Protein backbone atom coordinates (compact mmCIF):
# COMPACT_ATOMS: atom_id res chain seq x y z
CA MET A 1 -22.65 35.48 -35.23
CA TYR A 2 -18.95 35.38 -34.44
CA SER A 3 -17.54 32.48 -32.50
CA THR A 4 -15.80 33.20 -29.20
CA LEU A 5 -12.42 32.57 -30.82
CA ALA A 6 -13.14 34.94 -33.67
CA ILE A 7 -14.26 37.69 -31.32
CA ARG A 8 -11.15 37.33 -29.19
CA SER A 9 -8.83 37.60 -32.18
CA LEU A 10 -10.37 40.81 -33.54
CA ARG A 11 -8.20 43.93 -33.75
CA LEU A 12 -9.60 47.41 -34.25
CA ARG A 13 -8.22 50.91 -33.81
CA PRO A 14 -6.94 51.93 -30.35
CA GLY A 15 -9.81 51.95 -27.91
CA GLY A 16 -11.52 48.97 -29.55
CA TRP A 17 -11.50 45.23 -28.94
CA THR A 18 -8.50 43.67 -27.25
CA ARG A 19 -7.62 40.06 -26.52
CA SER A 20 -7.79 38.58 -23.06
CA SER A 21 -8.60 35.41 -21.13
CA CYS A 22 -12.09 36.83 -20.71
CA ALA A 23 -13.94 39.26 -22.95
CA VAL A 24 -12.72 42.86 -22.65
CA VAL A 25 -14.41 45.91 -24.15
CA GLN A 26 -13.19 49.50 -24.10
CA VAL A 27 -16.01 51.99 -24.47
CA SER A 28 -17.11 55.46 -23.49
CA HIS A 29 -19.81 55.80 -20.81
CA TRP A 30 -22.68 56.41 -23.24
CA GLN A 31 -21.76 53.33 -25.25
CA THR A 32 -21.60 51.03 -22.26
CA ARG A 33 -25.06 49.43 -22.31
CA TRP A 34 -25.14 48.93 -26.10
CA ASN A 35 -21.70 47.38 -26.34
CA SER A 36 -22.29 45.22 -23.27
CA THR A 37 -25.31 43.63 -24.92
CA ALA A 38 -23.50 43.21 -28.23
CA GLN A 39 -20.55 41.51 -26.56
CA ARG A 40 -22.78 39.18 -24.56
CA LEU A 41 -24.61 38.08 -27.69
CA ALA A 42 -21.36 37.55 -29.54
CA THR A 43 -19.64 35.43 -26.91
CA GLY A 44 -22.35 34.00 -24.71
CA GLU A 45 -20.17 34.62 -21.65
CA PHE A 46 -21.63 35.32 -18.24
CA CYS A 47 -18.83 37.61 -17.00
CA TYR A 48 -16.64 40.04 -18.91
CA LEU A 49 -14.70 43.26 -18.51
CA GLU A 50 -15.10 46.75 -19.91
CA GLU A 51 -12.42 49.41 -19.84
CA LEU A 52 -14.00 52.85 -19.77
CA SER A 53 -12.55 55.93 -21.44
CA LYS A 54 -12.72 59.73 -21.46
CA GLU A 55 -13.71 61.06 -18.02
CA ASN A 56 -13.95 57.48 -16.73
CA GLU A 57 -10.55 56.35 -17.99
CA GLY A 58 -8.88 54.09 -15.47
CA ILE A 59 -12.14 52.43 -14.41
CA SER A 60 -12.72 48.78 -15.30
CA VAL A 61 -16.20 47.29 -15.05
CA LEU A 62 -16.76 43.61 -14.34
CA ASN A 63 -20.16 42.87 -15.85
CA MET A 64 -22.29 39.91 -14.81
CA ASN A 65 -24.91 38.79 -17.30
CA ARG A 66 -26.69 35.49 -16.78
CA PRO A 67 -30.32 36.60 -17.13
CA LYS A 68 -31.95 33.16 -17.28
CA ALA A 69 -30.64 32.33 -13.80
CA LYS A 70 -30.56 35.83 -12.24
CA ASN A 71 -26.76 35.75 -12.20
CA ALA A 72 -26.78 32.65 -9.99
CA ILE A 73 -23.24 31.43 -9.43
CA SER A 74 -22.79 28.20 -11.37
CA VAL A 75 -19.54 26.38 -12.02
CA GLN A 76 -19.20 28.08 -15.42
CA PHE A 77 -20.14 31.51 -14.04
CA LEU A 78 -17.52 31.14 -11.31
CA LYS A 79 -14.87 30.06 -13.81
CA GLU A 80 -15.46 33.17 -15.95
CA PHE A 81 -15.60 35.43 -12.90
CA ARG A 82 -12.20 34.11 -11.79
CA GLN A 83 -10.77 34.67 -15.28
CA CYS A 84 -11.84 38.31 -15.11
CA LEU A 85 -10.20 38.71 -11.70
CA ASP A 86 -6.97 37.23 -13.09
CA VAL A 87 -7.02 39.78 -15.91
CA LEU A 88 -7.57 42.62 -13.45
CA ARG A 89 -4.77 41.43 -11.19
CA TYR A 90 -2.12 40.61 -13.78
CA GLU A 91 -2.95 42.30 -17.09
CA ARG A 92 -5.01 45.49 -16.72
CA PRO A 93 -3.58 48.70 -15.22
CA SER A 94 -6.95 49.69 -13.72
CA ARG A 95 -7.25 52.30 -10.99
CA VAL A 96 -10.79 51.31 -9.90
CA VAL A 97 -12.97 48.24 -10.49
CA ILE A 98 -16.78 48.34 -10.48
CA LEU A 99 -18.89 45.18 -10.20
CA ARG A 100 -22.33 45.41 -11.71
CA SER A 101 -25.13 43.32 -13.15
CA LEU A 102 -26.63 43.73 -16.61
CA VAL A 103 -29.69 41.71 -15.55
CA ASP A 104 -32.67 43.86 -14.63
CA GLY A 105 -33.85 43.50 -11.06
CA VAL A 106 -30.95 41.47 -9.72
CA PHE A 107 -27.30 41.91 -8.77
CA CYS A 108 -26.61 38.25 -7.99
CA ALA A 109 -29.06 35.69 -6.63
CA GLY A 110 -26.31 33.66 -4.94
CA ALA A 111 -25.43 30.05 -5.61
CA ASP A 112 -27.10 28.17 -8.44
CA LEU A 113 -29.25 25.89 -6.29
CA LYS A 114 -30.56 23.92 -9.26
CA GLU A 115 -27.01 22.99 -10.22
CA ARG A 116 -26.12 22.43 -6.55
CA ALA A 117 -28.88 19.82 -6.27
CA THR A 118 -27.13 17.69 -8.90
CA MET A 119 -23.75 17.73 -7.13
CA THR A 120 -22.29 15.05 -4.93
CA ASN A 121 -21.05 16.02 -1.47
CA PRO A 122 -17.39 16.11 -2.64
CA GLU A 123 -18.39 18.29 -5.59
CA VAL A 124 -20.18 20.71 -3.27
CA LYS A 125 -17.10 20.95 -1.04
CA ARG A 126 -14.86 21.53 -4.05
CA PHE A 127 -17.18 24.22 -5.42
CA LEU A 128 -17.38 26.02 -2.07
CA GLY A 129 -13.61 25.96 -1.73
CA THR A 130 -13.24 27.53 -5.17
CA LEU A 131 -15.94 30.09 -4.37
CA ARG A 132 -14.25 31.12 -1.11
CA GLN A 133 -10.89 31.50 -2.81
CA THR A 134 -12.44 33.50 -5.65
CA PHE A 135 -14.06 35.92 -3.22
CA CYS A 136 -10.74 36.27 -1.39
CA ASP A 137 -9.12 37.06 -4.75
CA LEU A 138 -11.74 39.77 -5.30
CA GLU A 139 -11.19 41.15 -1.80
CA THR A 140 -7.42 41.35 -2.28
CA LEU A 141 -7.36 43.04 -5.67
CA PRO A 142 -4.76 45.82 -5.26
CA VAL A 143 -7.16 48.57 -6.39
CA PRO A 144 -10.41 49.92 -4.92
CA THR A 145 -13.51 47.89 -5.78
CA ILE A 146 -17.11 49.11 -5.81
CA ALA A 147 -20.21 46.92 -5.98
CA SER A 148 -23.04 48.62 -7.87
CA ILE A 149 -26.14 46.84 -6.54
CA ASP A 150 -29.44 47.21 -8.38
CA GLY A 151 -32.05 44.66 -7.42
CA ALA A 152 -31.48 41.55 -5.32
CA ALA A 153 -28.16 40.52 -3.78
CA PHE A 154 -28.95 37.47 -1.69
CA GLY A 155 -26.72 34.83 -0.13
CA GLY A 156 -23.58 34.45 -2.19
CA GLY A 157 -24.51 37.59 -4.11
CA LEU A 158 -24.22 39.69 -0.97
CA GLU A 159 -21.11 37.76 0.07
CA MET A 160 -19.59 38.82 -3.26
CA ALA A 161 -20.48 42.47 -2.61
CA LEU A 162 -19.03 42.26 0.92
CA CYS A 163 -15.65 41.50 -0.66
CA CYS A 164 -15.68 44.91 -2.34
CA ASP A 165 -14.27 48.00 -0.66
CA MET A 166 -17.53 49.92 -1.12
CA ARG A 167 -21.12 49.19 -2.00
CA VAL A 168 -23.76 51.46 -3.51
CA GLY A 169 -27.37 50.54 -4.13
CA GLY A 170 -30.17 51.89 -6.28
CA ILE A 171 -33.70 52.42 -5.01
CA HIS A 172 -34.65 48.81 -5.83
CA ALA A 173 -31.62 47.24 -4.12
CA LYS A 174 -32.40 44.38 -1.71
CA VAL A 175 -29.63 42.63 0.22
CA GLY A 176 -29.55 39.78 2.69
CA LEU A 177 -27.79 36.63 3.85
CA THR A 178 -30.80 34.37 3.55
CA GLU A 179 -29.13 30.96 3.89
CA THR A 180 -30.66 29.99 7.25
CA GLY A 181 -34.02 29.90 5.50
CA LEU A 182 -32.60 26.97 3.50
CA ALA A 183 -31.22 25.27 6.62
CA ILE A 184 -27.62 26.19 5.75
CA ILE A 185 -25.35 29.07 6.73
CA PRO A 186 -23.43 31.62 4.64
CA GLY A 187 -20.50 29.62 3.30
CA ALA A 188 -18.40 32.11 1.34
CA GLY A 189 -17.33 34.51 4.06
CA GLY A 190 -20.63 36.08 5.06
CA THR A 191 -20.47 35.09 8.74
CA GLN A 192 -17.06 36.76 9.01
CA ARG A 193 -17.23 39.80 6.73
CA LEU A 194 -20.70 41.03 7.68
CA PRO A 195 -20.00 41.46 11.45
CA ARG A 196 -16.71 43.19 10.63
CA LEU A 197 -18.71 45.67 8.58
CA ILE A 198 -21.85 46.34 10.64
CA GLY A 199 -21.06 44.87 14.07
CA LEU A 200 -21.60 41.44 15.59
CA SER A 201 -25.04 41.91 17.13
CA LYS A 202 -26.65 43.34 13.99
CA ALA A 203 -25.01 40.71 11.81
CA LYS A 204 -26.43 37.99 14.03
CA GLU A 205 -29.89 39.48 13.70
CA LEU A 206 -29.70 39.60 9.91
CA ILE A 207 -28.32 36.07 9.57
CA TYR A 208 -30.54 34.38 12.20
CA THR A 209 -33.70 35.91 10.68
CA ALA A 210 -32.58 35.80 7.01
CA HIS A 211 -33.71 39.43 6.94
CA ILE A 212 -33.72 41.28 3.62
CA CYS A 213 -32.73 44.95 3.79
CA HIS A 214 -33.88 47.54 1.29
CA ALA A 215 -31.48 50.28 0.22
CA ASP A 216 -32.32 52.89 2.86
CA GLU A 217 -32.03 50.43 5.74
CA ALA A 218 -28.84 48.95 4.31
CA GLU A 219 -27.30 52.43 4.14
CA ARG A 220 -28.44 53.24 7.68
CA ILE A 221 -26.74 50.19 9.20
CA GLY A 222 -23.56 50.65 7.16
CA LEU A 223 -24.08 47.78 4.74
CA LEU A 224 -24.21 50.25 1.84
CA ASN A 225 -21.99 53.31 1.55
CA TYR A 226 -24.72 55.08 -0.40
CA ALA A 227 -28.35 54.47 -1.26
CA ALA A 228 -28.60 56.27 -4.58
CA PRO A 229 -31.91 58.08 -5.19
CA GLN A 230 -31.95 56.83 -8.78
CA GLU A 231 -33.13 53.47 -10.05
CA SER A 232 -29.55 52.62 -10.99
CA SER A 233 -26.56 52.93 -8.68
CA TYR A 234 -24.07 52.76 -11.55
CA ASP A 235 -23.70 56.53 -11.93
CA LYS A 236 -22.93 56.85 -8.21
CA ALA A 237 -20.33 54.09 -8.52
CA LEU A 238 -18.75 55.93 -11.44
CA GLU A 239 -18.74 59.16 -9.44
CA LEU A 240 -16.88 57.42 -6.61
CA GLY A 241 -14.43 55.97 -9.09
CA ARG A 242 -13.75 59.36 -10.66
CA ARG A 243 -13.00 60.79 -7.20
CA ILE A 244 -10.39 58.07 -6.59
CA ILE A 245 -8.61 58.09 -9.95
CA PRO A 246 -6.72 61.42 -9.54
CA LYS A 247 -5.12 60.24 -6.31
CA GLY A 248 -1.72 58.54 -6.21
CA PRO A 249 -2.24 54.90 -7.33
CA ILE A 250 0.61 53.50 -5.23
CA ALA A 251 -0.70 55.41 -2.21
CA ILE A 252 -4.18 53.99 -2.80
CA LYS A 253 -2.76 50.47 -3.05
CA MET A 254 -0.80 50.87 0.17
CA ALA A 255 -3.72 52.51 1.98
CA LYS A 256 -5.94 49.55 1.06
CA GLN A 257 -3.32 47.11 2.29
CA ALA A 258 -2.87 48.98 5.56
CA LEU A 259 -6.61 49.20 6.17
CA ASP A 260 -7.43 45.60 5.26
CA GLN A 261 -4.57 44.05 7.19
CA GLY A 262 -4.55 46.41 10.15
CA VAL A 263 -8.24 46.08 10.98
CA GLN A 264 -7.68 42.40 11.83
CA LEU A 265 -4.92 43.17 14.36
CA ASP A 266 -4.44 44.81 17.73
CA LEU A 267 -3.58 48.51 17.55
CA ASN A 268 0.18 48.21 18.08
CA SER A 269 0.51 45.52 15.41
CA ALA A 270 -1.74 47.50 13.07
CA LEU A 271 0.43 50.61 13.49
CA THR A 272 3.44 48.52 12.43
CA VAL A 273 1.55 47.49 9.29
CA GLU A 274 0.80 51.15 8.58
CA GLN A 275 4.48 52.04 9.03
CA LEU A 276 5.54 49.30 6.60
CA CYS A 277 3.00 50.43 4.01
CA TYR A 278 4.04 54.07 4.40
CA ALA A 279 7.63 53.04 3.72
CA GLN A 280 6.57 51.81 0.30
CA VAL A 281 5.44 55.27 -0.85
CA ILE A 282 8.53 57.20 0.31
CA PRO A 283 10.80 56.30 -2.64
CA THR A 284 8.13 56.85 -5.33
CA GLU A 285 8.21 59.48 -8.05
CA ASP A 286 4.52 60.12 -7.35
CA ARG A 287 5.35 61.37 -3.84
CA LEU A 288 7.82 63.88 -5.27
CA GLU A 289 5.29 64.91 -7.91
CA GLY A 290 2.76 65.59 -5.17
CA LEU A 291 5.21 67.87 -3.36
CA ARG A 292 6.12 69.69 -6.60
CA ALA A 293 2.46 70.19 -7.51
CA PHE A 294 1.71 71.54 -4.03
CA ARG A 295 4.62 73.97 -4.26
CA GLU A 296 3.69 75.07 -7.81
CA LYS A 297 -0.04 75.33 -6.97
CA ARG A 298 -1.14 72.95 -9.73
CA THR A 299 -2.94 69.62 -10.02
CA PRO A 300 -0.53 66.70 -9.65
CA VAL A 301 -0.19 64.13 -12.43
CA TYR A 302 0.46 60.72 -10.89
CA LYS A 303 1.84 57.87 -12.99
CA GLY A 304 1.98 55.08 -10.47
CA GLN A 305 5.79 55.22 -10.27
């Protein structure tokens, strides 16, 4: 078995292994599951990236794979997750990011409570601070993010998914902020992001009762964008990604910024944010390409310029 260092220094033909601060794989859709397993066995890492190709080119997948602990968020898991976010923010020209689990029956079980029990109070505070900042980093990635939820997303696992722009769930998806059952409250943004998504009264109900929603209910109340009829939601997440990729990447970035910032403000202030974001797309080559393509009755080719 290769060591982590050896794996990271490998060079193959274009489309193969590349070096990064976390493991990165570039594969076609049909290769995804096989290569994901191979990479996990080679490196032993809990979180790593894949760059898809062919019809899914432009989509990066952040895989979570800690089967023995149901993807519970430990200190090491969080460190690797943050490394992947840093790569996505600073190194990878992705158009769409999909979060998914490679562990059957679970998206993310939340915090690693066994590890938490061994921490001192200062260590817990430090960990929670890092977790909150990491989720904010996920939320503010400059490209659309999609959580592909198959199985359980409880506590911090749902808080992670709430930081994504969209969420899709398979038929076995189960989601809930269950912390009050442990005599604590959601501590990584759940009390703030959930009511902004589904409304204050419904969020209170879910948090006070630690209620667990299945996919159909979660879609009905707006917690999921789609409840996929299949066992896996990954194909639906890919479909959403493919619908986004042809659009102007700078426009998508500015639209996300306008939406995320404006929704926190009063209408007049939010309209000013929209105006400032619109100003960023006016001088772009992509805007001119869109006008040319419309005039010439052809599909535009956007380059993010």
